[in-house]
Each structure stands twice: as C-alpha cells, then as structure tokens.
C-alpha cells in the first residue's frame, strides 16, 4: 500500500490547483488535483505535506489542518491511502512546478475542472463541511465503481 498526502491551499476565495501535464507515465495526466505526493522513508504525513508543498509550489505553509483519509482501491494500481489536508496561510513565492501547471481557481469553479470523479465526492464535502472525511473510492481503471463513507456504499 502506498501512503500519500494531498493538500488544497485556499486563499481569498480561490484554491491552488495543479493541471498534471509534465510527468511521464502519470496516472493523473490531464487531471486537476491539489499538491502533494508520496511519503519518503522516516517521514510523517505532516513532514511529507510540508516538503511536497514546498517542492511543488515554492510556498511554505504556516497554517494547515488534516481533513481526513481517503483510500483509493483500483484494479490497475496499488492501493493508496491519502492523507487529505487543507491549508489557509502560507508565505513564499509561487514557482513553476515540474509536474504540472499551477493555477489559483475560484472555489466555485473547481468542480468545473477535469477532476477524478472520486475527487468530486471528497472535495464537495471538504468545501462544504468542517469535519473529518473518511472515504473509500473503488475504481476499475478510470471508472469509479463505489464510494464508501461511514461504512455505507453511497455510490455503487
């Protein structure tokens, strides 16, 4: 199982999103996602969060919070547990990213982007609700088969 982090940085009604277009063999190719990545040896999820945000954006987070755990199961990829974060304060200068193009998107337009279908399920809750999110997303390749939340299959 792979463990990753993903962060949605919010500022002045906008969300920093990345259009994944620059990495070879990227399963997120052409999708808009937050920033983050894989935990390295001896890292905690927060260590990974801070490192990945700094590496991908040039920004240093000053305030963030955990929003939950999303488990991705896919017939074509290794299972992934993603630690979901939201940040609202940072310093530094936004830089070019070698994995994709970064853009501040108005929050009310994020759902119009080319997102993974499962991302829509947790983003909607993250933007609307304050509590933790625990969700399992089951895919067959690019097709979302099931969304399981609080032990209930809410899509499937």
C-alpha atoms as a PDB file:
ATOM      1  CA  UNK A   1       0.000   0.000   0.000  1.00  0.00           C
ATOM      2  CA  UNK A   2       1.200   3.478  -0.872  1.00  0.00           C
ATOM      3  CA  UNK A   3       0.739   6.377   1.541  1.00  0.00           C
ATOM      4  CA  UNK A   4       0.445   9.898   0.139  1.00  0.00           C
ATOM      5  CA  UNK A   5      -0.596  13.400   1.088  1.00  0.00           C
ATOM      6  CA  UNK A   6      -2.755  15.836  -0.842  1.00  0.00           C
ATOM      7  CA  UNK A   7      -3.297  19.469   0.085  1.00  0.00           C
ATOM      8  CA  UNK A   8      -5.768  22.050  -1.128  1.00  0.00           C
ATOM      9  CA  UNK A   9      -4.441  25.532  -0.402  1.00  0.00           C
ATOM     10  CA  UNK A  10      -7.217  28.124  -0.138  1.00  0.00           C
ATOM     11  CA  UNK A  11      -6.679  31.881  -0.342  1.00  0.00           C
ATOM     12  CA  UNK A  12      -9.077  34.769  -0.949  1.00  0.00           C
ATOM     13  CA  UNK A  13     -11.859  32.563  -2.349  1.00  0.00           C
ATOM     14  CA  UNK A  14      -9.519  30.581  -4.602  1.00  0.00           C
ATOM     15  CA  UNK A  15      -7.930  27.138  -4.459  1.00  0.00           C
ATOM     16  CA  UNK A  16      -4.453  26.329  -5.755  1.00  0.00           C
ATOM     17  CA  UNK A  17      -4.867  23.522  -8.278  1.00  0.00           C
ATOM     18  CA  UNK A  18      -2.382  21.686 -10.475  1.00  0.00           C
ATOM     19  CA  UNK A  19      -3.104  20.507 -14.007  1.00  0.00           C
ATOM     20  CA  UNK A  20      -0.941  17.384 -14.341  1.00  0.00           C
ATOM     21  CA  UNK A  21       0.754  17.522 -17.738  1.00  0.00           C
ATOM     22  CA  UNK A  22       4.528  17.300 -17.309  1.00  0.00           C
ATOM     23  CA  UNK A  23       5.347  13.879 -15.836  1.00  0.00           C
ATOM     24  CA  UNK A  24       5.961  10.760 -17.931  1.00  0.00           C
ATOM     25  CA  UNK A  25       3.593   7.825 -17.238  1.00  0.00           C
ATOM     26  CA  UNK A  26       1.466   9.938 -14.872  1.00  0.00           C
ATOM     27  CA  UNK A  27      -1.789   8.259 -13.841  1.00  0.00           C
ATOM     28  CA  UNK A  28      -3.107  11.794 -13.161  1.00  0.00           C
ATOM     29  CA  UNK A  29      -2.264  13.013 -16.689  1.00  0.00           C
ATOM     30  CA  UNK A  30      -4.688  15.739 -17.779  1.00  0.00           C
ATOM     31  CA  UNK A  31      -6.434  15.904 -14.387  1.00  0.00           C
ATOM     32  CA  UNK A  32      -6.590  18.841 -11.967  1.00  0.00           C
ATOM     33  CA  UNK A  33      -5.554  17.923  -8.421  1.00  0.00           C
ATOM     34  CA  UNK A  34      -4.179  19.550  -5.286  1.00  0.00           C
ATOM     35  CA  UNK A  35      -0.490  19.360  -4.383  1.00  0.00           C
ATOM     36  CA  UNK A  36       1.216  16.518  -2.576  1.00  0.00           C
ATOM     37  CA  UNK A  37       2.932  13.213  -3.068  1.00  0.00           C
ATOM     38  CA  UNK A  38       4.366  10.030  -1.609  1.00  0.00           C
ATOM     39  CA  UNK A  39       5.789   9.719   1.887  1.00  0.00           C
ATOM     40  CA  UNK A  40       9.521   9.124   1.967  1.00  0.00           C
ATOM     41  CA  UNK A  41      11.378   6.921   4.454  1.00  0.00           C
ATOM     42  CA  UNK A  42      11.002   8.143   8.064  1.00  0.00           C
ATOM     43  CA  UNK A  43       8.517  10.904   7.134  1.00  0.00           C
ATOM     44  CA  UNK A  44       5.271  11.553   8.937  1.00  0.00           C
ATOM     45  CA  UNK A  45       2.312  12.652   6.809  1.00  0.00           C
ATOM     46  CA  UNK A  46       2.877  16.259   8.007  1.00  0.00           C
ATOM     47  CA  UNK A  47       6.579  16.079   7.077  1.00  0.00           C
ATOM     48  CA  UNK A  48       5.532  14.906   3.604  1.00  0.00           C
ATOM     49  CA  UNK A  49       2.848  17.588   3.313  1.00  0.00           C
ATOM     50  CA  UNK A  50       5.279  20.413   4.086  1.00  0.00           C
ATOM     51  CA  UNK A  51       8.044  19.022   1.841  1.00  0.00           C
ATOM     52  CA  UNK A  52       5.759  18.330  -1.120  1.00  0.00           C
ATOM     53  CA  UNK A  53       4.039  21.730  -0.966  1.00  0.00           C
ATOM     54  CA  UNK A  54       7.435  23.467  -0.808  1.00  0.00           C
ATOM     55  CA  UNK A  55       8.903  21.352  -3.654  1.00  0.00           C
ATOM     56  CA  UNK A  56       5.903  21.660  -5.967  1.00  0.00           C
ATOM     57  CA  UNK A  57       4.871  25.266  -5.309  1.00  0.00           C
ATOM     58  CA  UNK A  58       7.711  27.134  -3.569  1.00  0.00           C
ATOM     59  CA  UNK A  59       5.247  28.011  -0.789  1.00  0.00           C
ATOM     60  CA  UNK A  60       5.831  27.330   2.902  1.00  0.00           C
ATOM     61  CA  UNK A  61       2.676  26.512   4.841  1.00  0.00           C
ATOM     62  CA  UNK A  62       2.016  28.492   8.019  1.00  0.00           C
ATOM     63  CA  UNK A  63      -1.418  27.034   8.835  1.00  0.00           C
ATOM     64  CA  UNK A  64      -2.977  23.724   7.794  1.00  0.00           C
ATOM     65  CA  UNK A  65      -5.280  21.047   9.115  1.00  0.00           C
ATOM     66  CA  UNK A  66      -5.927  17.421   8.443  1.00  0.00           C
ATOM     67  CA  UNK A  67      -9.263  16.801   6.728  1.00  0.00           C
ATOM     68  CA  UNK A  68      -9.228  13.014   6.765  1.00  0.00           C
ATOM     69  CA  UNK A  69      -8.155   9.852   4.999  1.00  0.00           C
ATOM     70  CA  UNK A  70      -9.164   8.769   1.513  1.00  0.00           C
ATOM     71  CA  UNK A  71      -8.457   5.169   0.470  1.00  0.00           C
ATOM     72  CA  UNK A  72      -8.171   4.515  -3.259  1.00  0.00           C
ATOM     73  CA  UNK A  73      -8.636   0.949  -4.468  1.00  0.00           C
ATOM     74  CA  UNK A  74      -8.090   0.321  -8.166  1.00  0.00           C
ATOM     75  CA  UNK A  75      -7.911  -2.839 -10.242  1.00  0.00           C
ATOM     76  CA  UNK A  76      -4.974  -1.365 -12.194  1.00  0.00           C
ATOM     77  CA  UNK A  77      -2.903   0.335  -9.469  1.00  0.00           C
ATOM     78  CA  UNK A  78      -1.629  -0.318  -5.975  1.00  0.00           C
ATOM     79  CA  UNK A  79      -3.994   0.647  -3.148  1.00  0.00           C
ATOM     80  CA  UNK A  80      -3.296   4.152  -1.849  1.00  0.00           C
ATOM     81  CA  UNK A  81      -4.113   5.773   1.458  1.00  0.00           C
ATOM     82  CA  UNK A  82      -4.126   9.532   1.057  1.00  0.00           C
ATOM     83  CA  UNK A  83      -3.913  11.935   3.978  1.00  0.00           C
ATOM     84  CA  UNK A  84      -6.075  14.889   2.972  1.00  0.00           C
ATOM     85  CA  UNK A  85      -5.120  18.406   4.110  1.00  0.00           C
ATOM     86  CA  UNK A  86      -6.401  21.924   3.735  1.00  0.00           C
ATOM     87  CA  UNK A  87      -4.195  24.995   4.204  1.00  0.00           C
ATOM     88  CA  UNK A  88      -5.151  28.648   4.571  1.00  0.00           C
ATOM     89  CA  UNK A  89      -1.915  30.514   5.349  1.00  0.00           C
ATOM     90  CA  UNK A  90       1.477  30.435   3.691  1.00  0.00           C
ATOM     91  CA  UNK A  91       4.444  32.551   2.697  1.00  0.00           C
ATOM     92  CA  UNK A  92       6.841  32.480  -0.229  1.00  0.00           C
ATOM     93  CA  UNK A  93       6.585  32.968  -3.952  1.00  0.00           C
ATOM     94  CA  UNK A  94       4.719  30.581  -6.226  1.00  0.00           C
ATOM     95  CA  UNK A  95       7.129  28.888  -8.636  1.00  0.00           C
ATOM     96  CA  UNK A  96       6.792  26.748 -11.740  1.00  0.00           C
ATOM     97  CA  UNK A  97       6.178  23.088 -10.977  1.00  0.00           C
ATOM     98  CA  UNK A  98       7.882  20.249 -12.847  1.00  0.00           C
ATOM     99  CA  UNK A  99       4.775  18.034 -12.533  1.00  0.00           C
ATOM    100  CA  UNK A 100       2.134  20.355 -13.950  1.00  0.00           C
ATOM    101  CA  UNK A 101       0.761  23.874 -14.204  1.00  0.00           C
ATOM    102  CA  UNK A 102      -0.334  25.632 -11.010  1.00  0.00           C
ATOM    103  CA  UNK A 103      -3.293  27.991 -11.060  1.00  0.00           C
ATOM    104  CA  UNK A 104      -5.457  29.748  -8.494  1.00  0.00           C
ATOM    105  CA  UNK A 105      -9.013  28.673  -9.367  1.00  0.00           C
ATOM    106  CA  UNK A 106     -12.097  30.378  -7.889  1.00  0.00           C
ATOM    107  CA  UNK A 107     -13.586  27.908  -5.427  1.00  0.00           C
ATOM    108  CA  UNK A 108     -16.955  27.926  -7.183  1.00  0.00           C
ATOM    109  CA  UNK A 109     -15.256  26.833 -10.449  1.00  0.00           C
ATOM    110  CA  UNK A 110     -13.202  23.917  -9.101  1.00  0.00           C
ATOM    111  CA  UNK A 111     -15.950  21.387  -9.810  1.00  0.00           C
ATOM    112  CA  UNK A 112     -15.986  22.524 -13.476  1.00  0.00           C
ATOM    113  CA  UNK A 113     -12.403  21.256 -13.934  1.00  0.00           C
ATOM    114  CA  UNK A 114     -11.366  17.870 -15.308  1.00  0.00           C
ATOM    115  CA  UNK A 115     -11.188  16.074 -11.937  1.00  0.00           C
ATOM    116  CA  UNK A 116     -11.190  12.423 -10.988  1.00  0.00           C
ATOM    117  CA  UNK A 117     -14.824  11.524 -10.289  1.00  0.00           C
ATOM    118  CA  UNK A 118     -13.918  10.379  -6.772  1.00  0.00           C
ATOM    119  CA  UNK A 119     -12.189  13.692  -6.035  1.00  0.00           C
ATOM    120  CA  UNK A 120     -15.518  15.428  -6.600  1.00  0.00           C
ATOM    121  CA  UNK A 121     -17.026  13.382  -3.751  1.00  0.00           C
ATOM    122  CA  UNK A 122     -14.457  14.415  -1.136  1.00  0.00           C
ATOM    123  CA  UNK A 123     -13.929  17.971  -2.428  1.00  0.00           C
ATOM    124  CA  UNK A 124     -17.641  18.708  -2.197  1.00  0.00           C
ATOM    125  CA  UNK A 125     -17.596  17.644   1.447  1.00  0.00           C
ATOM    126  CA  UNK A 126     -14.326  19.403   2.194  1.00  0.00           C
ATOM    127  CA  UNK A 127     -15.556  22.735   0.803  1.00  0.00           C
ATOM    128  CA  UNK A 128     -18.985  22.452   2.436  1.00  0.00           C
ATOM    129  CA  UNK A 129     -18.321  20.787   5.798  1.00  0.00           C
ATOM    130  CA  UNK A 130     -15.788  21.272   8.599  1.00  0.00           C
ATOM    131  CA  UNK A 131     -15.472  17.695   9.918  1.00  0.00           C
ATOM    132  CA  UNK A 132     -13.096  14.892   9.033  1.00  0.00           C
ATOM    133  CA  UNK A 133     -13.682  12.894   5.889  1.00  0.00           C
ATOM    134  CA  UNK A 134     -13.153   9.146   5.770  1.00  0.00           C
ATOM    135  CA  UNK A 135     -13.892   7.706   2.376  1.00  0.00           C
ATOM    136  CA  UNK A 136     -13.027   4.688   0.244  1.00  0.00           C
ATOM    137  CA  UNK A 137     -13.099   5.133  -3.527  1.00  0.00           C
ATOM    138  CA  UNK A 138     -13.128   1.951  -5.614  1.00  0.00           C
ATOM    139  CA  UNK A 139     -12.077   2.232  -9.252  1.00  0.00           C
ATOM    140  CA  UNK A 140     -11.682  -0.071 -12.216  1.00  0.00           C
ATOM    141  CA  UNK A 141      -9.051   1.917 -14.108  1.00  0.00           C
ATOM    142  CA  UNK A 142     -10.593   5.362 -14.649  1.00  0.00           C
ATOM    143  CA  UNK A 143     -14.153   4.261 -13.797  1.00  0.00           C
ATOM    144  CA  UNK A 144     -15.402   4.966 -10.282  1.00  0.00           C
ATOM    145  CA  UNK A 145     -17.412   1.951  -9.112  1.00  0.00           C
ATOM    146  CA  UNK A 146     -18.079   2.648  -5.427  1.00  0.00           C
ATOM    147  CA  UNK A 147     -17.879   5.462  -2.904  1.00  0.00           C
ATOM    148  CA  UNK A 148     -17.971   4.146   0.645  1.00  0.00           C
ATOM    149  CA  UNK A 149     -18.412   6.582   3.520  1.00  0.00           C
ATOM    150  CA  UNK A 150     -19.081   5.693   7.142  1.00  0.00           C
ATOM    151  CA  UNK A 151     -19.390   2.046   6.110  1.00  0.00           C
ATOM    152  CA  UNK A 152     -22.129   2.759   3.589  1.00  0.00           C
ATOM    153  CA  UNK A 153     -21.841   2.451  -0.175  1.00  0.00           C
ATOM    154  CA  UNK A 154     -23.213   5.833  -1.266  1.00  0.00           C
ATOM    155  CA  UNK A 155     -22.397   5.277  -4.958  1.00  0.00           C
ATOM    156  CA  UNK A 156     -22.343   1.845  -6.454  1.00  0.00           C
END
